[in-house]
Amino acid sequence: MHFPRIQRNRNQVPIVPLIDILFILLVFFIVSTTFKRPRDVMRIELPTVREIPSEQLAEERSVIAVDALGNITLDSLTVPEGLLGTYLEAFQRQNPGRQLELEADKSISIERLLNVFEALTKAGIEVRDVPARIEVPE
């Protein structure tokens, strides 16, 4: 017995017209593209704190200075090693209400800085009331 087979036509996608369409799209995008141009840049220099005029005078503070070698001075008075707490207590008695400021070198160790904070606490001075100014060596 012979069964007839049905011939199927495969649907084929025509490649040549697709290539033409892609070529036309490529030409369109090349022609219509706008290229980036370098934009002009305006340089702005913002003023720093030293350059802003102020009508309000800041209160004078006494300075606890710690240099790179770990030497401590309290208002230009050299403090011997380990006696900062005693000097601070005497300073508080002589100058009641006088605020302090810590001026430290960037290269001092954290241990030395913590010793200064401990001496401030022992003298009854709140550490958060003493602003720290860390100087960067130039």
C-alpha atoms as a PDB file:
ATOM      1  CA  MET A   1       0.000   0.000   0.000  1.00  0.00           C
ATOM      2  CA  HIS A   2       1.208   3.348  -0.890  1.00  0.00           C
ATOM      3  CA  PHE A   3       0.368   6.397   1.230  1.00  0.00           C
ATOM      4  CA  PRO A   4       0.839   9.703  -0.414  1.00  0.00           C
ATOM      5  CA  ARG A   5       2.985  12.119   1.526  1.00  0.00           C
ATOM      6  CA  ILE A   6       1.900  15.684   1.779  1.00  0.00           C
ATOM      7  CA  GLN A   7       4.563  18.042   0.605  1.00  0.00           C
ATOM      8  CA  ARG A   8       5.178  20.769   3.104  1.00  0.00           C
ATOM      9  CA  ASN A   9       6.592  24.047   2.064  1.00  0.00           C
ATOM     10  CA  ARG A  10       8.956  25.439   4.588  1.00  0.00           C
ATOM     11  CA  ASN A  11       8.543  29.101   5.285  1.00  0.00           C
ATOM     12  CA  GLN A  12      11.812  30.807   4.607  1.00  0.00           C
ATOM     13  CA  VAL A  13      12.840  34.219   5.741  1.00  0.00           C
ATOM     14  CA  PRO A  14      14.224  36.181   2.837  1.00  0.00           C
ATOM     15  CA  ILE A  15      17.697  37.331   3.867  1.00  0.00           C
ATOM     16  CA  VAL A  16      18.488  39.760   1.056  1.00  0.00           C
ATOM     17  CA  PRO A  17      15.644  42.196   1.857  1.00  0.00           C
ATOM     18  CA  LEU A  18      16.639  42.091   5.557  1.00  0.00           C
ATOM     19  CA  ILE A  19      20.200  43.028   4.692  1.00  0.00           C
ATOM     20  CA  ASP A  20      18.885  45.950   2.654  1.00  0.00           C
ATOM     21  CA  ILE A  21      16.720  47.117   5.559  1.00  0.00           C
ATOM     22  CA  LEU A  22      19.619  46.846   8.005  1.00  0.00           C
ATOM     23  CA  PHE A  23      21.861  48.796   5.657  1.00  0.00           C
ATOM     24  CA  ILE A  24      19.256  51.561   5.336  1.00  0.00           C
ATOM     25  CA  LEU A  25      18.894  51.716   9.139  1.00  0.00           C
ATOM     26  CA  LEU A  26      22.657  51.891   9.551  1.00  0.00           C
ATOM     27  CA  VAL A  27      22.907  54.792   7.094  1.00  0.00           C
ATOM     28  CA  PHE A  28      20.012  56.554   8.843  1.00  0.00           C
ATOM     29  CA  PHE A  29      21.637  56.281  12.277  1.00  0.00           C
ATOM     30  CA  ILE A  30      25.006  57.448  10.969  1.00  0.00           C
ATOM     31  CA  VAL A  31      23.479  60.504   9.322  1.00  0.00           C
ATOM     32  CA  SER A  32      21.164  61.452  12.178  1.00  0.00           C
ATOM     33  CA  THR A  33      23.683  60.984  15.021  1.00  0.00           C
ATOM     34  CA  THR A  34      24.874  64.144  16.731  1.00  0.00           C
ATOM     35  CA  PHE A  35      28.315  63.775  18.183  1.00  0.00           C
ATOM     36  CA  LYS A  36      29.203  65.121  21.615  1.00  0.00           C
ATOM     37  CA  ARG A  37      31.014  68.398  21.618  1.00  0.00           C
ATOM     38  CA  PRO A  38      33.224  69.450  24.488  1.00  0.00           C
ATOM     39  CA  ARG A  39      31.351  71.814  26.754  1.00  0.00           C
ATOM     40  CA  ASP A  40      32.827  74.915  28.285  1.00  0.00           C
ATOM     41  CA  VAL A  41      33.524  74.570  31.984  1.00  0.00           C
ATOM     42  CA  MET A  42      33.451  77.477  34.387  1.00  0.00           C
ATOM     43  CA  ARG A  43      35.922  77.164  37.240  1.00  0.00           C
ATOM     44  CA  ILE A  44      34.481  78.174  40.584  1.00  0.00           C
ATOM     45  CA  GLU A  45      36.642  78.639  43.649  1.00  0.00           C
ATOM     46  CA  LEU A  46      34.616  78.524  46.823  1.00  0.00           C
ATOM     47  CA  PRO A  47      35.747  80.690  49.713  1.00  0.00           C
ATOM     48  CA  THR A  48      37.312  78.972  52.671  1.00  0.00           C
ATOM     49  CA  VAL A  49      36.670  79.805  56.287  1.00  0.00           C
ATOM     50  CA  ARG A  50      39.669  82.131  56.379  1.00  0.00           C
ATOM     51  CA  GLU A  51      38.234  84.209  53.544  1.00  0.00           C
ATOM     52  CA  ILE A  52      34.727  84.764  54.897  1.00  0.00           C
ATOM     53  CA  PRO A  53      34.436  88.066  56.717  1.00  0.00           C
ATOM     54  CA  SER A  54      32.777  87.849  60.092  1.00  0.00           C
ATOM     55  CA  GLU A  55      31.243  90.533  62.226  1.00  0.00           C
ATOM     56  CA  GLN A  56      31.104  88.276  65.245  1.00  0.00           C
ATOM     57  CA  LEU A  57      34.267  87.826  67.267  1.00  0.00           C
ATOM     58  CA  ALA A  58      35.035  84.316  68.355  1.00  0.00           C
ATOM     59  CA  GLU A  59      35.869  83.874  71.984  1.00  0.00           C
ATOM     60  CA  GLU A  60      39.522  83.510  72.761  1.00  0.00           C
ATOM     61  CA  ARG A  61      40.546  80.074  73.858  1.00  0.00           C
ATOM     62  CA  SER A  62      43.676  78.856  75.517  1.00  0.00           C
ATOM     63  CA  VAL A  63      45.603  76.382  73.428  1.00  0.00           C
ATOM     64  CA  ILE A  64      46.865  72.963  74.418  1.00  0.00           C
ATOM     65  CA  ALA A  65      49.432  72.252  71.703  1.00  0.00           C
ATOM     66  CA  VAL A  66      50.934  68.835  71.025  1.00  0.00           C
ATOM     67  CA  ASP A  67      53.780  68.743  68.501  1.00  0.00           C
ATOM     68  CA  ALA A  68      55.029  65.831  66.410  1.00  0.00           C
ATOM     69  CA  LEU A  69      57.480  64.725  69.110  1.00  0.00           C
ATOM     70  CA  GLY A  70      54.754  64.618  71.759  1.00  0.00           C
ATOM     71  CA  ASN A  71      55.781  67.784  73.613  1.00  0.00           C
ATOM     72  CA  ILE A  72      52.806  69.513  75.217  1.00  0.00           C
ATOM     73  CA  THR A  73      52.423  73.242  75.783  1.00  0.00           C
ATOM     74  CA  LEU A  74      49.609  75.036  77.536  1.00  0.00           C
ATOM     75  CA  ASP A  75      49.438  78.646  76.326  1.00  0.00           C
ATOM     76  CA  SER A  76      53.169  78.657  75.458  1.00  0.00           C
ATOM     77  CA  LEU A  77      54.041  77.091  78.844  1.00  0.00           C
ATOM     78  CA  THR A  78      55.884  73.799  78.387  1.00  0.00           C
ATOM     79  CA  VAL A  79      54.241  70.997  80.364  1.00  0.00           C
ATOM     80  CA  PRO A  80      56.539  68.242  81.684  1.00  0.00           C
ATOM     81  CA  GLU A  81      55.722  64.623  80.815  1.00  0.00           C
ATOM     82  CA  GLY A  82      52.822  63.252  82.885  1.00  0.00           C
ATOM     83  CA  LEU A  83      51.898  66.539  84.606  1.00  0.00           C
ATOM     84  CA  LEU A  84      49.260  67.804  82.179  1.00  0.00           C
ATOM     85  CA  GLY A  85      46.391  66.961  84.542  1.00  0.00           C
ATOM     86  CA  THR A  86      47.970  68.971  87.372  1.00  0.00           C
ATOM     87  CA  TYR A  87      48.682  71.905  85.078  1.00  0.00           C
ATOM     88  CA  LEU A  88      45.109  71.854  83.800  1.00  0.00           C
ATOM     89  CA  GLU A  89      43.683  71.870  87.333  1.00  0.00           C
ATOM     90  CA  ALA A  90      45.885  74.849  88.237  1.00  0.00           C
ATOM     91  CA  PHE A  91      44.917  76.556  84.974  1.00  0.00           C
ATOM     92  CA  GLN A  92      41.210  76.100  85.768  1.00  0.00           C
ATOM     93  CA  ARG A  93      41.690  77.630  89.229  1.00  0.00           C
ATOM     94  CA  GLN A  94      43.558  80.645  87.843  1.00  0.00           C
ATOM     95  CA  ASN A  95      41.278  81.163  84.827  1.00  0.00           C
ATOM     96  CA  PRO A  96      37.739  80.092  85.700  1.00  0.00           C
ATOM     97  CA  GLY A  97      35.461  79.862  82.681  1.00  0.00           C
ATOM     98  CA  ARG A  98      38.306  80.056  80.167  1.00  0.00           C
ATOM     99  CA  GLN A  99      37.725  77.674  77.246  1.00  0.00           C
ATOM    100  CA  LEU A 100      40.434  75.396  75.870  1.00  0.00           C
ATOM    101  CA  GLU A 101      41.321  74.291  72.353  1.00  0.00           C
ATOM    102  CA  LEU A 102      43.470  71.331  71.362  1.00  0.00           C
ATOM    103  CA  GLU A 103      45.975  71.938  68.603  1.00  0.00           C
ATOM    104  CA  ALA A 104      47.670  68.678  67.640  1.00  0.00           C
ATOM    105  CA  ASP A 105      50.091  67.653  64.930  1.00  0.00           C
ATOM    106  CA  LYS A 106      48.816  65.061  62.471  1.00  0.00           C
ATOM    107  CA  SER A 107      51.698  62.693  63.107  1.00  0.00           C
ATOM    108  CA  ILE A 108      51.171  62.230  66.867  1.00  0.00           C
ATOM    109  CA  SER A 109      50.140  58.806  68.047  1.00  0.00           C
ATOM    110  CA  ILE A 110      46.596  58.037  69.124  1.00  0.00           C
ATOM    111  CA  GLU A 111      48.000  57.014  72.522  1.00  0.00           C
ATOM    112  CA  ARG A 112      49.383  60.519  73.092  1.00  0.00           C
ATOM    113  CA  LEU A 113      46.059  62.048  72.048  1.00  0.00           C
ATOM    114  CA  LEU A 114      44.140  59.772  74.417  1.00  0.00           C
ATOM    115  CA  ASN A 115      46.509  60.753  77.258  1.00  0.00           C
ATOM    116  CA  VAL A 116      45.608  64.396  76.646  1.00  0.00           C
ATOM    117  CA  PHE A 117      41.889  63.552  76.676  1.00  0.00           C
ATOM    118  CA  GLU A 118      42.342  61.597  79.913  1.00  0.00           C
ATOM    119  CA  ALA A 119      44.131  64.538  81.549  1.00  0.00           C
ATOM    120  CA  LEU A 120      41.277  66.828  80.483  1.00  0.00           C
ATOM    121  CA  THR A 121      38.726  64.463  82.029  1.00  0.00           C
ATOM    122  CA  LYS A 122      40.699  64.204  85.296  1.00  0.00           C
ATOM    123  CA  ALA A 123      40.851  67.993  85.500  1.00  0.00           C
ATOM    124  CA  GLY A 124      37.049  68.129  85.232  1.00  0.00           C
ATOM    125  CA  ILE A 125      36.926  69.483  81.687  1.00  0.00           C
ATOM    126  CA  GLU A 126      34.473  67.918  79.233  1.00  0.00           C
ATOM    127  CA  VAL A 127      36.352  66.592  76.201  1.00  0.00           C
ATOM    128  CA  ARG A 128      33.489  67.529  73.879  1.00  0.00           C
ATOM    129  CA  ASP A 129      33.874  71.178  74.972  1.00  0.00           C
ATOM    130  CA  VAL A 130      37.474  71.225  73.735  1.00  0.00           C
ATOM    131  CA  PRO A 131      37.557  71.486  69.941  1.00  0.00           C
ATOM    132  CA  ALA A 132      40.500  69.722  68.320  1.00  0.00           C
ATOM    133  CA  ARG A 133      42.389  71.284  65.467  1.00  0.00           C
ATOM    134  CA  ILE A 134      44.688  68.771  63.819  1.00  0.00           C
ATOM    135  CA  GLU A 135      47.378  70.464  61.746  1.00  0.00           C
ATOM    136  CA  VAL A 136      48.531  68.794  58.579  1.00  0.00           C
ATOM    137  CA  PRO A 137      52.283  69.214  58.092  1.00  0.00           C
ATOM    138  CA  GLU A 138      53.174  71.044  54.890  1.00  0.00           C
END
